[in-house]
């Protein structure tokens, strides 16, 4: 998948390498922000694997977003993603597909969960 011409722009927020303070404690490094253009976003509901079984007879509950980023986007399980000013955690491992027959590629698919508290 290439950039979508009318797609959304998101920002990957990658934690910086830790350093040590004067007492030898790890201190998080400054995060790096990586813009990604031409993405698609879709609501992710709570009806998938691991969802609360009490939701069966209720309305769908949105638990986050699914991000479809251009193939080759470097996104990691430890990253966060800023979407329209809101910060989301990457939920699980991002996935991507390249056909071994045609070399065609699909998007990098990432489950996102809104950061709260």
N, C-alpha and C. Protein backbone atom coordinates (compact mmCIF):
# COMPACT_ATOMS: atom_id res chain seq x y z
N UNK A 1 0.84 -1.17 0.00
CA UNK A 1 0.00 0.00 0.00
C UNK A 1 0.89 1.24 0.00
N UNK A 2 0.59 2.13 -0.87
CA UNK A 2 1.27 3.42 -0.90
C UNK A 2 0.47 4.41 -0.06
N UNK A 3 1.04 5.62 0.08
CA UNK A 3 0.30 6.67 0.78
C UNK A 3 -1.05 6.88 0.10
N UNK A 4 -2.07 7.06 0.89
CA UNK A 4 -3.39 7.38 0.36
C UNK A 4 -3.47 8.89 0.16
N UNK A 5 -3.78 9.36 -1.04
CA UNK A 5 -3.74 10.80 -1.31
C UNK A 5 -4.66 11.61 -0.40
N UNK A 6 -5.76 11.04 0.04
CA UNK A 6 -6.68 11.75 0.93
C UNK A 6 -6.64 11.15 2.34
N UNK A 7 -5.57 10.42 2.62
CA UNK A 7 -5.45 9.76 3.92
C UNK A 7 -5.11 10.72 5.04
N UNK A 8 -5.09 10.17 6.24
CA UNK A 8 -4.80 10.95 7.44
C UNK A 8 -3.31 10.95 7.74
N UNK A 9 -2.87 12.00 8.37
CA UNK A 9 -1.49 12.08 8.84
C UNK A 9 -1.47 11.73 10.33
N UNK A 10 -0.52 10.90 10.72
CA UNK A 10 -0.35 10.54 12.12
C UNK A 10 1.12 10.77 12.48
N UNK A 11 1.42 10.72 13.76
CA UNK A 11 2.79 10.88 14.21
C UNK A 11 3.15 9.72 15.13
N UNK A 12 4.19 9.00 14.79
CA UNK A 12 4.72 7.95 15.66
C UNK A 12 5.58 8.64 16.71
N UNK A 13 5.33 8.32 17.97
CA UNK A 13 6.11 8.88 19.08
C UNK A 13 6.92 7.72 19.66
N UNK A 14 8.20 7.73 19.36
CA UNK A 14 9.10 6.64 19.76
C UNK A 14 9.91 7.07 20.97
N UNK A 15 9.91 6.23 22.03
CA UNK A 15 10.69 6.59 23.21
C UNK A 15 12.18 6.68 22.88
N UNK A 16 12.82 7.67 23.47
CA UNK A 16 14.26 7.84 23.27
C UNK A 16 15.03 6.86 24.14
N UNK A 17 16.30 6.65 23.82
CA UNK A 17 17.10 5.74 24.62
C UNK A 17 17.26 6.27 26.04
N UNK A 18 17.18 5.40 27.03
CA UNK A 18 17.31 5.87 28.41
C UNK A 18 18.74 6.27 28.72
N UNK A 19 18.85 7.17 29.67
CA UNK A 19 20.17 7.55 30.18
C UNK A 19 20.11 7.40 31.69
N UNK A 20 21.20 7.71 32.35
CA UNK A 20 21.23 7.59 33.80
C UNK A 20 21.35 8.96 34.44
N UNK A 21 20.66 9.12 35.58
CA UNK A 21 20.82 10.35 36.34
C UNK A 21 22.06 10.22 37.24
N UNK A 22 22.32 11.22 38.05
CA UNK A 22 23.53 11.23 38.88
C UNK A 22 23.54 10.10 39.90
N UNK A 23 22.37 9.49 40.16
CA UNK A 23 22.28 8.40 41.13
C UNK A 23 22.30 7.03 40.46
N UNK A 24 22.45 6.98 39.14
CA UNK A 24 22.49 5.72 38.42
C UNK A 24 21.12 5.17 38.04
N UNK A 25 20.07 5.95 38.24
CA UNK A 25 18.72 5.53 37.87
C UNK A 25 18.47 5.80 36.39
N UNK A 26 17.73 4.89 35.74
CA UNK A 26 17.36 5.10 34.35
C UNK A 26 16.39 6.27 34.23
N UNK A 27 16.66 7.15 33.29
CA UNK A 27 15.80 8.29 33.00
C UNK A 27 15.41 8.18 31.53
N UNK A 28 14.10 8.24 31.24
CA UNK A 28 13.69 8.13 29.83
C UNK A 28 14.30 9.23 28.99
N UNK A 29 14.73 8.88 27.79
CA UNK A 29 15.26 9.87 26.87
C UNK A 29 14.14 10.64 26.19
N UNK A 30 14.50 11.71 25.53
CA UNK A 30 13.50 12.51 24.81
C UNK A 30 12.92 11.69 23.67
N UNK A 31 11.59 11.68 23.50
CA UNK A 31 10.99 10.90 22.42
C UNK A 31 11.28 11.51 21.05
N UNK A 32 11.29 10.65 20.06
CA UNK A 32 11.44 11.06 18.67
C UNK A 32 10.06 11.02 18.03
N UNK A 33 9.71 12.06 17.27
CA UNK A 33 8.42 12.10 16.59
C UNK A 33 8.64 11.90 15.09
N UNK A 34 7.92 10.91 14.53
CA UNK A 34 8.08 10.54 13.13
C UNK A 34 6.74 10.71 12.42
N UNK A 35 6.63 11.70 11.52
CA UNK A 35 5.35 11.88 10.82
C UNK A 35 5.15 10.78 9.77
N UNK A 36 3.91 10.33 9.64
CA UNK A 36 3.55 9.33 8.62
C UNK A 36 2.33 9.90 7.89
N UNK A 37 2.44 10.01 6.58
CA UNK A 37 1.39 10.61 5.76
C UNK A 37 0.61 9.54 5.01
N UNK A 38 -0.65 9.85 4.70
CA UNK A 38 -1.46 9.00 3.83
C UNK A 38 -1.92 7.71 4.47
N UNK A 39 -2.36 7.76 5.71
CA UNK A 39 -2.83 6.57 6.43
C UNK A 39 -4.35 6.49 6.38
N UNK A 40 -4.86 5.30 6.66
CA UNK A 40 -6.30 5.11 6.85
C UNK A 40 -6.51 4.73 8.31
N UNK A 41 -7.64 5.17 8.86
CA UNK A 41 -7.99 4.87 10.24
C UNK A 41 -9.41 4.32 10.28
N UNK A 42 -9.63 3.34 11.14
CA UNK A 42 -10.97 2.77 11.29
C UNK A 42 -11.20 2.51 12.78
N UNK A 43 -12.45 2.66 13.23
CA UNK A 43 -12.74 2.35 14.63
C UNK A 43 -12.53 0.86 14.88
N UNK A 44 -12.06 0.54 16.07
CA UNK A 44 -11.86 -0.85 16.48
C UNK A 44 -12.81 -1.12 17.62
N UNK A 45 -13.67 -2.12 17.45
CA UNK A 45 -14.67 -2.37 18.49
C UNK A 45 -14.20 -3.46 19.45
N UNK A 46 -14.93 -3.61 20.51
CA UNK A 46 -14.57 -4.55 21.56
C UNK A 46 -15.17 -5.93 21.37
N UNK A 47 -15.44 -6.34 20.13
CA UNK A 47 -16.06 -7.65 19.91
C UNK A 47 -15.08 -8.70 19.46
N UNK A 48 -13.80 -8.38 19.37
CA UNK A 48 -12.80 -9.35 18.93
C UNK A 48 -12.38 -10.29 20.04
N UNK A 49 -11.30 -11.02 19.79
CA UNK A 49 -10.78 -11.96 20.77
C UNK A 49 -10.47 -11.23 22.08
N UNK A 50 -10.87 -11.83 23.18
CA UNK A 50 -10.60 -11.24 24.48
C UNK A 50 -11.60 -10.18 24.90
N UNK A 51 -12.60 -9.93 24.08
CA UNK A 51 -13.60 -8.91 24.43
C UNK A 51 -14.49 -9.43 25.55
N UNK A 52 -15.04 -8.52 26.27
CA UNK A 52 -15.92 -8.85 27.37
C UNK A 52 -17.18 -9.52 26.83
N UNK A 53 -17.48 -10.72 27.34
CA UNK A 53 -18.63 -11.46 26.84
C UNK A 53 -19.96 -10.78 27.15
N UNK A 54 -19.97 -9.86 28.09
CA UNK A 54 -21.21 -9.17 28.42
C UNK A 54 -21.66 -8.23 27.31
N UNK A 55 -20.80 -7.99 26.33
CA UNK A 55 -21.15 -7.06 25.26
C UNK A 55 -22.02 -7.70 24.19
N UNK A 56 -22.28 -9.00 24.26
CA UNK A 56 -22.98 -9.68 23.19
C UNK A 56 -24.34 -9.09 22.87
N UNK A 57 -25.07 -8.68 23.86
CA UNK A 57 -26.42 -8.16 23.61
C UNK A 57 -26.48 -6.64 23.68
N UNK A 58 -25.33 -6.00 23.64
CA UNK A 58 -25.29 -4.55 23.77
C UNK A 58 -24.79 -3.91 22.48
N UNK A 59 -24.82 -2.60 22.46
CA UNK A 59 -24.27 -1.88 21.33
C UNK A 59 -22.76 -2.08 21.28
N UNK A 60 -22.20 -1.89 20.12
CA UNK A 60 -20.76 -2.01 19.95
C UNK A 60 -20.05 -0.95 20.77
N UNK A 61 -18.96 -1.34 21.40
CA UNK A 61 -18.15 -0.43 22.20
C UNK A 61 -16.83 -0.23 21.48
N UNK A 62 -16.51 1.01 21.15
CA UNK A 62 -15.26 1.31 20.46
C UNK A 62 -14.13 1.32 21.50
N UNK A 63 -13.10 0.52 21.25
CA UNK A 63 -11.99 0.43 22.21
C UNK A 63 -10.70 1.04 21.66
N UNK A 64 -10.74 1.53 20.46
CA UNK A 64 -9.54 2.13 19.88
C UNK A 64 -9.70 2.30 18.39
N UNK A 65 -8.56 2.32 17.71
CA UNK A 65 -8.54 2.49 16.26
C UNK A 65 -7.68 1.40 15.62
N UNK A 66 -7.93 1.14 14.36
CA UNK A 66 -7.02 0.35 13.56
C UNK A 66 -6.36 1.31 12.58
N UNK A 67 -5.04 1.33 12.59
CA UNK A 67 -4.26 2.19 11.71
C UNK A 67 -3.76 1.35 10.54
N UNK A 68 -3.96 1.85 9.32
CA UNK A 68 -3.43 1.23 8.12
C UNK A 68 -2.41 2.22 7.55
N UNK A 69 -1.14 1.90 7.76
CA UNK A 69 -0.05 2.79 7.34
C UNK A 69 0.59 2.24 6.07
N UNK A 70 1.24 3.10 5.28
CA UNK A 70 1.90 2.62 4.07
C UNK A 70 2.90 1.51 4.37
N UNK A 71 2.98 0.55 3.45
CA UNK A 71 3.90 -0.58 3.60
C UNK A 71 5.32 -0.05 3.83
N UNK A 72 6.01 -0.67 4.77
CA UNK A 72 7.38 -0.26 5.09
C UNK A 72 7.47 0.73 6.24
N UNK A 73 6.32 1.20 6.75
CA UNK A 73 6.34 2.11 7.89
C UNK A 73 6.95 1.38 9.08
N UNK A 74 7.95 1.98 9.70
CA UNK A 74 8.62 1.39 10.85
C UNK A 74 7.86 1.78 12.11
N UNK A 75 7.03 0.88 12.60
CA UNK A 75 6.29 1.12 13.84
C UNK A 75 6.48 -0.08 14.73
N UNK A 76 6.66 0.18 16.00
CA UNK A 76 7.02 -0.87 16.96
C UNK A 76 5.99 -0.96 18.08
N UNK A 77 5.96 -2.10 18.73
CA UNK A 77 5.01 -2.32 19.83
C UNK A 77 5.24 -1.35 20.98
N UNK A 78 6.43 -0.80 21.09
CA UNK A 78 6.74 0.13 22.18
C UNK A 78 6.44 1.59 21.83
N UNK A 79 6.00 1.85 20.60
CA UNK A 79 5.69 3.21 20.16
C UNK A 79 4.31 3.64 20.64
N UNK A 80 4.08 4.94 20.56
CA UNK A 80 2.75 5.52 20.68
C UNK A 80 2.48 6.23 19.36
N UNK A 81 1.20 6.48 19.09
CA UNK A 81 0.81 7.15 17.84
C UNK A 81 -0.13 8.29 18.18
N UNK A 82 0.20 9.49 17.68
CA UNK A 82 -0.68 10.65 17.86
C UNK A 82 -1.58 10.75 16.65
N UNK A 83 -2.90 10.74 16.93
CA UNK A 83 -3.92 10.84 15.89
C UNK A 83 -4.83 11.99 16.28
N UNK A 84 -4.88 13.02 15.46
CA UNK A 84 -5.76 14.18 15.71
C UNK A 84 -5.61 14.70 17.13
N UNK A 85 -4.38 14.80 17.61
CA UNK A 85 -4.11 15.37 18.92
C UNK A 85 -4.24 14.39 20.08
N UNK A 86 -4.77 13.20 19.84
CA UNK A 86 -4.93 12.18 20.90
C UNK A 86 -3.78 11.18 20.81
N UNK A 87 -3.28 10.74 21.96
CA UNK A 87 -2.16 9.82 22.01
C UNK A 87 -2.67 8.41 22.25
N UNK A 88 -2.27 7.47 21.37
CA UNK A 88 -2.69 6.07 21.44
C UNK A 88 -1.48 5.18 21.68
N UNK A 89 -1.68 4.08 22.42
CA UNK A 89 -0.67 3.05 22.60
C UNK A 89 -0.82 2.05 21.46
N UNK A 90 0.29 1.48 21.01
CA UNK A 90 0.24 0.37 20.06
C UNK A 90 -0.16 -0.85 20.88
N UNK A 91 -1.19 -1.55 20.44
CA UNK A 91 -1.73 -2.71 21.15
C UNK A 91 -1.32 -3.97 20.39
N UNK A 92 -0.24 -4.61 20.83
CA UNK A 92 0.26 -5.81 20.16
C UNK A 92 1.30 -5.48 19.12
N UNK A 93 1.61 -6.45 18.27
CA UNK A 93 2.62 -6.28 17.23
C UNK A 93 1.98 -5.79 15.93
N UNK A 94 2.57 -4.78 15.29
CA UNK A 94 2.09 -4.38 13.96
C UNK A 94 2.31 -5.51 12.95
N UNK A 95 1.47 -5.57 11.95
CA UNK A 95 1.60 -6.61 10.93
C UNK A 95 1.63 -6.01 9.54
N UNK A 96 2.30 -6.71 8.63
CA UNK A 96 2.38 -6.27 7.23
C UNK A 96 2.41 -7.51 6.34
N UNK A 97 2.04 -7.35 5.08
CA UNK A 97 2.00 -8.47 4.16
C UNK A 97 2.59 -8.09 2.81
N UNK A 98 3.43 -8.98 2.29
CA UNK A 98 3.95 -8.86 0.92
C UNK A 98 3.74 -10.20 0.27
N UNK A 99 3.08 -10.22 -0.87
CA UNK A 99 2.79 -11.46 -1.57
C UNK A 99 4.08 -12.09 -2.10
N UNK A 100 4.32 -13.36 -1.83
CA UNK A 100 5.50 -14.03 -2.38
C UNK A 100 5.34 -14.34 -3.87
N UNK A 101 4.14 -14.19 -4.39
CA UNK A 101 3.89 -14.50 -5.80
C UNK A 101 4.00 -13.28 -6.70
N UNK A 102 3.47 -12.13 -6.23
CA UNK A 102 3.43 -10.94 -7.08
C UNK A 102 4.26 -9.79 -6.53
N UNK A 103 4.76 -9.93 -5.31
CA UNK A 103 5.48 -8.87 -4.61
C UNK A 103 4.61 -7.67 -4.28
N UNK A 104 3.29 -7.79 -4.49
CA UNK A 104 2.42 -6.68 -4.11
C UNK A 104 2.36 -6.61 -2.58
N UNK A 105 2.13 -5.42 -2.09
CA UNK A 105 2.17 -5.20 -0.65
C UNK A 105 0.85 -4.64 -0.14
N UNK A 106 0.57 -4.93 1.10
CA UNK A 106 -0.58 -4.37 1.78
C UNK A 106 -0.09 -3.37 2.80
N UNK A 107 -0.99 -2.81 3.57
CA UNK A 107 -0.59 -1.82 4.56
C UNK A 107 0.05 -2.48 5.78
N UNK A 108 0.69 -1.65 6.58
CA UNK A 108 1.09 -2.06 7.93
C UNK A 108 -0.15 -1.82 8.79
N UNK A 109 -0.63 -2.87 9.45
CA UNK A 109 -1.86 -2.79 10.23
C UNK A 109 -1.49 -2.77 11.71
N UNK A 110 -2.03 -1.77 12.42
CA UNK A 110 -1.68 -1.56 13.82
C UNK A 110 -2.94 -1.33 14.63
N UNK A 111 -3.11 -2.09 15.71
CA UNK A 111 -4.21 -1.85 16.64
C UNK A 111 -3.76 -0.77 17.62
N UNK A 112 -4.60 0.23 17.82
CA UNK A 112 -4.28 1.34 18.72
C UNK A 112 -5.31 1.43 19.83
N UNK A 113 -4.84 1.77 21.02
CA UNK A 113 -5.72 1.94 22.18
C UNK A 113 -5.45 3.32 22.77
N UNK A 114 -6.52 4.05 23.06
CA UNK A 114 -6.37 5.41 23.58
C UNK A 114 -5.69 5.41 24.95
N UNK A 115 -4.72 6.29 25.12
CA UNK A 115 -4.03 6.43 26.40
C UNK A 115 -4.92 7.22 27.35
N UNK A 116 -5.20 6.65 28.51
CA UNK A 116 -6.01 7.34 29.50
C UNK A 116 -5.27 7.39 30.82
N UNK A 117 -5.50 8.49 31.57
CA UNK A 117 -4.92 8.65 32.89
C UNK A 117 -3.46 8.60 32.83
